N, C-alpha and C. Protein backbone atom coordinates (compact mmCIF):
# COMPACT_ATOMS: atom_id res chain seq x y z
N MET A 1 -22.24 6.73 18.19
CA MET A 1 -21.52 5.69 17.47
C MET A 1 -20.03 5.91 17.66
N PRO A 2 -19.30 4.85 18.07
CA PRO A 2 -17.87 5.00 18.28
C PRO A 2 -17.15 5.28 16.96
N LYS A 3 -16.12 6.10 17.04
CA LYS A 3 -15.35 6.37 15.84
C LYS A 3 -14.16 5.42 15.76
N LYS A 4 -13.65 5.28 14.58
CA LYS A 4 -12.48 4.44 14.38
C LYS A 4 -11.27 5.13 14.98
N ALA A 5 -10.50 4.39 15.78
CA ALA A 5 -9.29 4.97 16.38
C ALA A 5 -8.31 5.32 15.27
N GLY A 6 -7.80 6.53 15.30
CA GLY A 6 -6.94 7.02 14.23
C GLY A 6 -5.46 6.78 14.43
N SER A 7 -5.05 6.36 15.61
CA SER A 7 -3.63 6.16 15.83
C SER A 7 -3.40 4.86 16.59
N GLY A 8 -2.17 4.47 16.66
CA GLY A 8 -1.81 3.25 17.37
C GLY A 8 -1.36 2.19 16.40
N GLU A 9 -0.25 1.60 16.71
CA GLU A 9 0.30 0.60 15.81
C GLU A 9 0.27 -0.80 16.42
N SER A 10 -0.20 -0.88 17.66
CA SER A 10 -0.21 -2.17 18.32
C SER A 10 -1.43 -2.28 19.23
N THR A 11 -1.65 -3.47 19.72
CA THR A 11 -2.74 -3.68 20.66
C THR A 11 -2.54 -2.82 21.90
N ALA A 12 -1.30 -2.75 22.38
CA ALA A 12 -1.00 -1.95 23.58
C ALA A 12 -1.32 -0.47 23.34
N ASP A 13 -0.99 0.05 22.16
CA ASP A 13 -1.31 1.45 21.83
C ASP A 13 -2.82 1.68 21.82
N LEU A 14 -3.55 0.76 21.22
CA LEU A 14 -5.01 0.89 21.16
C LEU A 14 -5.61 0.86 22.56
N LEU A 15 -5.15 -0.07 23.40
CA LEU A 15 -5.67 -0.15 24.76
C LEU A 15 -5.32 1.10 25.56
N ALA A 16 -4.12 1.64 25.36
CA ALA A 16 -3.74 2.88 26.06
C ALA A 16 -4.68 4.01 25.67
N TYR A 17 -5.05 4.08 24.40
CA TYR A 17 -5.99 5.11 23.96
C TYR A 17 -7.38 4.86 24.55
N LEU A 18 -7.88 3.62 24.45
CA LEU A 18 -9.23 3.32 24.91
C LEU A 18 -9.39 3.46 26.42
N PHE A 19 -8.36 3.09 27.17
CA PHE A 19 -8.43 3.18 28.63
C PHE A 19 -7.94 4.53 29.14
N GLY A 20 -7.44 5.38 28.25
CA GLY A 20 -7.00 6.72 28.63
C GLY A 20 -8.16 7.70 28.56
N PRO A 21 -7.86 9.00 28.69
CA PRO A 21 -8.93 10.00 28.70
C PRO A 21 -9.56 10.26 27.34
N GLY A 22 -8.94 9.81 26.26
CA GLY A 22 -9.45 10.11 24.92
C GLY A 22 -8.91 11.45 24.45
N ASN A 23 -9.31 11.85 23.28
CA ASN A 23 -8.82 13.11 22.72
C ASN A 23 -9.53 14.32 23.30
N HIS A 24 -10.76 14.14 23.74
CA HIS A 24 -11.55 15.25 24.27
C HIS A 24 -12.22 14.85 25.59
N ASP A 25 -11.51 14.07 26.40
CA ASP A 25 -12.02 13.59 27.69
C ASP A 25 -13.34 12.82 27.55
N GLU A 26 -13.49 12.09 26.43
CA GLU A 26 -14.73 11.35 26.21
C GLU A 26 -14.73 9.97 26.87
N HIS A 27 -13.58 9.50 27.32
CA HIS A 27 -13.51 8.19 27.96
C HIS A 27 -13.66 8.37 29.47
N THR A 28 -14.88 8.38 29.94
CA THR A 28 -15.13 8.69 31.35
C THR A 28 -15.22 7.46 32.25
N ASP A 29 -15.50 6.29 31.70
CA ASP A 29 -15.63 5.07 32.52
C ASP A 29 -15.13 3.86 31.75
N PRO A 30 -13.83 3.81 31.45
CA PRO A 30 -13.33 2.66 30.68
C PRO A 30 -13.39 1.38 31.51
N HIS A 31 -13.87 0.31 30.90
CA HIS A 31 -13.93 -0.98 31.57
C HIS A 31 -14.16 -2.08 30.53
N LEU A 32 -13.87 -3.31 30.94
CA LEU A 32 -14.12 -4.46 30.08
C LEU A 32 -15.61 -4.75 30.08
N VAL A 33 -16.14 -5.06 28.92
CA VAL A 33 -17.56 -5.38 28.79
C VAL A 33 -17.75 -6.89 28.72
N ALA A 34 -16.84 -7.58 28.09
CA ALA A 34 -16.92 -9.03 27.95
C ALA A 34 -15.51 -9.61 27.91
N ALA A 35 -15.39 -10.87 28.25
CA ALA A 35 -14.09 -11.53 28.22
C ALA A 35 -14.31 -13.01 27.91
N TRP A 36 -13.25 -13.68 27.55
CA TRP A 36 -13.33 -15.08 27.18
C TRP A 36 -13.28 -15.97 28.42
N THR A 37 -13.02 -15.40 29.57
CA THR A 37 -12.99 -16.17 30.80
C THR A 37 -13.64 -15.36 31.92
N PRO A 38 -14.47 -16.00 32.73
CA PRO A 38 -15.09 -15.26 33.83
C PRO A 38 -14.03 -14.78 34.82
N GLY A 39 -14.24 -13.61 35.35
CA GLY A 39 -13.35 -13.10 36.38
C GLY A 39 -12.07 -12.46 35.87
N LEU A 40 -11.95 -12.24 34.57
CA LEU A 40 -10.76 -11.56 34.06
C LEU A 40 -10.74 -10.15 34.64
N PRO A 41 -9.68 -9.79 35.35
CA PRO A 41 -9.66 -8.46 35.98
C PRO A 41 -9.53 -7.35 34.95
N CYS A 42 -10.20 -6.26 35.21
CA CYS A 42 -10.17 -5.10 34.32
C CYS A 42 -9.01 -4.19 34.72
N PRO A 43 -8.15 -3.81 33.77
CA PRO A 43 -7.02 -2.94 34.10
C PRO A 43 -7.44 -1.59 34.70
N ALA A 44 -8.60 -1.08 34.31
CA ALA A 44 -9.04 0.21 34.83
C ALA A 44 -9.54 0.09 36.26
N ARG A 45 -10.10 -1.03 36.59
CA ARG A 45 -10.69 -1.19 37.93
C ARG A 45 -9.80 -1.98 38.88
N ASN A 46 -8.90 -2.78 38.35
CA ASN A 46 -7.99 -3.59 39.17
C ASN A 46 -6.56 -3.51 38.63
N PRO A 47 -5.95 -2.33 38.63
CA PRO A 47 -4.61 -2.21 38.03
C PRO A 47 -3.55 -3.02 38.75
N GLY A 48 -3.79 -3.40 40.00
CA GLY A 48 -2.83 -4.24 40.71
C GLY A 48 -2.85 -5.68 40.25
N ARG A 49 -3.95 -6.11 39.66
CA ARG A 49 -4.09 -7.49 39.19
C ARG A 49 -3.84 -7.65 37.70
N MET A 50 -4.11 -6.60 36.93
CA MET A 50 -3.98 -6.69 35.47
C MET A 50 -3.60 -5.31 34.94
N THR A 51 -2.51 -5.26 34.19
CA THR A 51 -2.11 -4.00 33.56
C THR A 51 -2.55 -4.02 32.11
N LEU A 52 -2.48 -2.86 31.47
CA LEU A 52 -2.79 -2.80 30.04
C LEU A 52 -1.82 -3.67 29.25
N ALA A 53 -0.57 -3.69 29.66
CA ALA A 53 0.43 -4.53 28.97
C ALA A 53 0.08 -6.01 29.10
N ASP A 54 -0.39 -6.42 30.29
CA ASP A 54 -0.82 -7.81 30.48
C ASP A 54 -1.98 -8.15 29.55
N LEU A 55 -2.96 -7.26 29.49
CA LEU A 55 -4.12 -7.48 28.63
C LEU A 55 -3.72 -7.53 27.16
N ALA A 56 -2.81 -6.66 26.76
CA ALA A 56 -2.32 -6.66 25.37
C ALA A 56 -1.65 -8.00 25.04
N LEU A 57 -0.85 -8.52 25.96
CA LEU A 57 -0.20 -9.82 25.73
C LEU A 57 -1.23 -10.94 25.60
N LEU A 58 -2.25 -10.92 26.44
CA LEU A 58 -3.30 -11.95 26.35
C LEU A 58 -4.06 -11.86 25.03
N LEU A 59 -4.34 -10.65 24.58
CA LEU A 59 -5.08 -10.48 23.33
C LEU A 59 -4.23 -10.85 22.12
N ASP A 60 -2.93 -10.60 22.20
CA ASP A 60 -2.03 -10.90 21.08
C ASP A 60 -1.58 -12.35 21.03
N ALA A 61 -1.72 -13.10 22.12
CA ALA A 61 -1.20 -14.47 22.19
C ALA A 61 -1.72 -15.38 21.08
N PRO A 62 -3.02 -15.40 20.77
CA PRO A 62 -3.48 -16.30 19.69
C PRO A 62 -2.86 -15.94 18.33
N VAL A 63 -2.70 -14.67 18.06
CA VAL A 63 -2.10 -14.24 16.79
C VAL A 63 -0.63 -14.65 16.75
N ALA A 64 0.07 -14.42 17.86
CA ALA A 64 1.48 -14.77 17.92
C ALA A 64 1.69 -16.27 17.76
N SER A 65 0.82 -17.07 18.37
CA SER A 65 0.97 -18.53 18.25
C SER A 65 0.69 -18.98 16.82
N PHE A 66 -0.24 -18.35 16.14
CA PHE A 66 -0.54 -18.69 14.75
C PHE A 66 0.66 -18.34 13.86
N ILE A 67 1.23 -17.17 14.06
CA ILE A 67 2.39 -16.75 13.27
C ILE A 67 3.55 -17.70 13.50
N PHE A 68 3.79 -18.07 14.78
CA PHE A 68 4.88 -19.00 15.10
C PHE A 68 4.63 -20.35 14.45
N ARG A 69 3.40 -20.87 14.56
CA ARG A 69 3.07 -22.17 13.98
C ARG A 69 3.26 -22.14 12.47
N ASP A 70 2.82 -21.05 11.84
CA ASP A 70 2.94 -20.93 10.39
C ASP A 70 4.40 -20.91 9.95
N SER A 71 5.25 -20.21 10.71
CA SER A 71 6.67 -20.13 10.33
C SER A 71 7.36 -21.48 10.54
N VAL A 72 6.97 -22.22 11.55
CA VAL A 72 7.55 -23.56 11.79
C VAL A 72 7.11 -24.51 10.68
N CYS A 73 5.85 -24.46 10.28
CA CYS A 73 5.34 -25.35 9.24
C CYS A 73 6.03 -25.09 7.89
N ARG A 74 6.40 -23.87 7.62
CA ARG A 74 7.06 -23.55 6.35
C ARG A 74 8.46 -24.14 6.28
N ARG A 75 9.11 -24.32 7.44
CA ARG A 75 10.47 -24.85 7.46
C ARG A 75 10.50 -26.35 7.25
N VAL A 76 9.39 -27.03 7.50
CA VAL A 76 9.37 -28.50 7.42
C VAL A 76 9.17 -28.96 6.01
């Protein structure tokens, strides 16, 4: 059973931990299991096509757009 990640303050930090070696070299084959679009490149297997930072931006985009929309709606 996976344990709850104990550190990281951002999506990028969490991805760096998950795609890194882990605390005790337990991350032996990091890869994407599912994605919202077919053919999304995996940073571990295709670092030239997708970096962890790219993946973090894609994962954070819906949250960022919601926060932006909410702040704009409050001003009106």
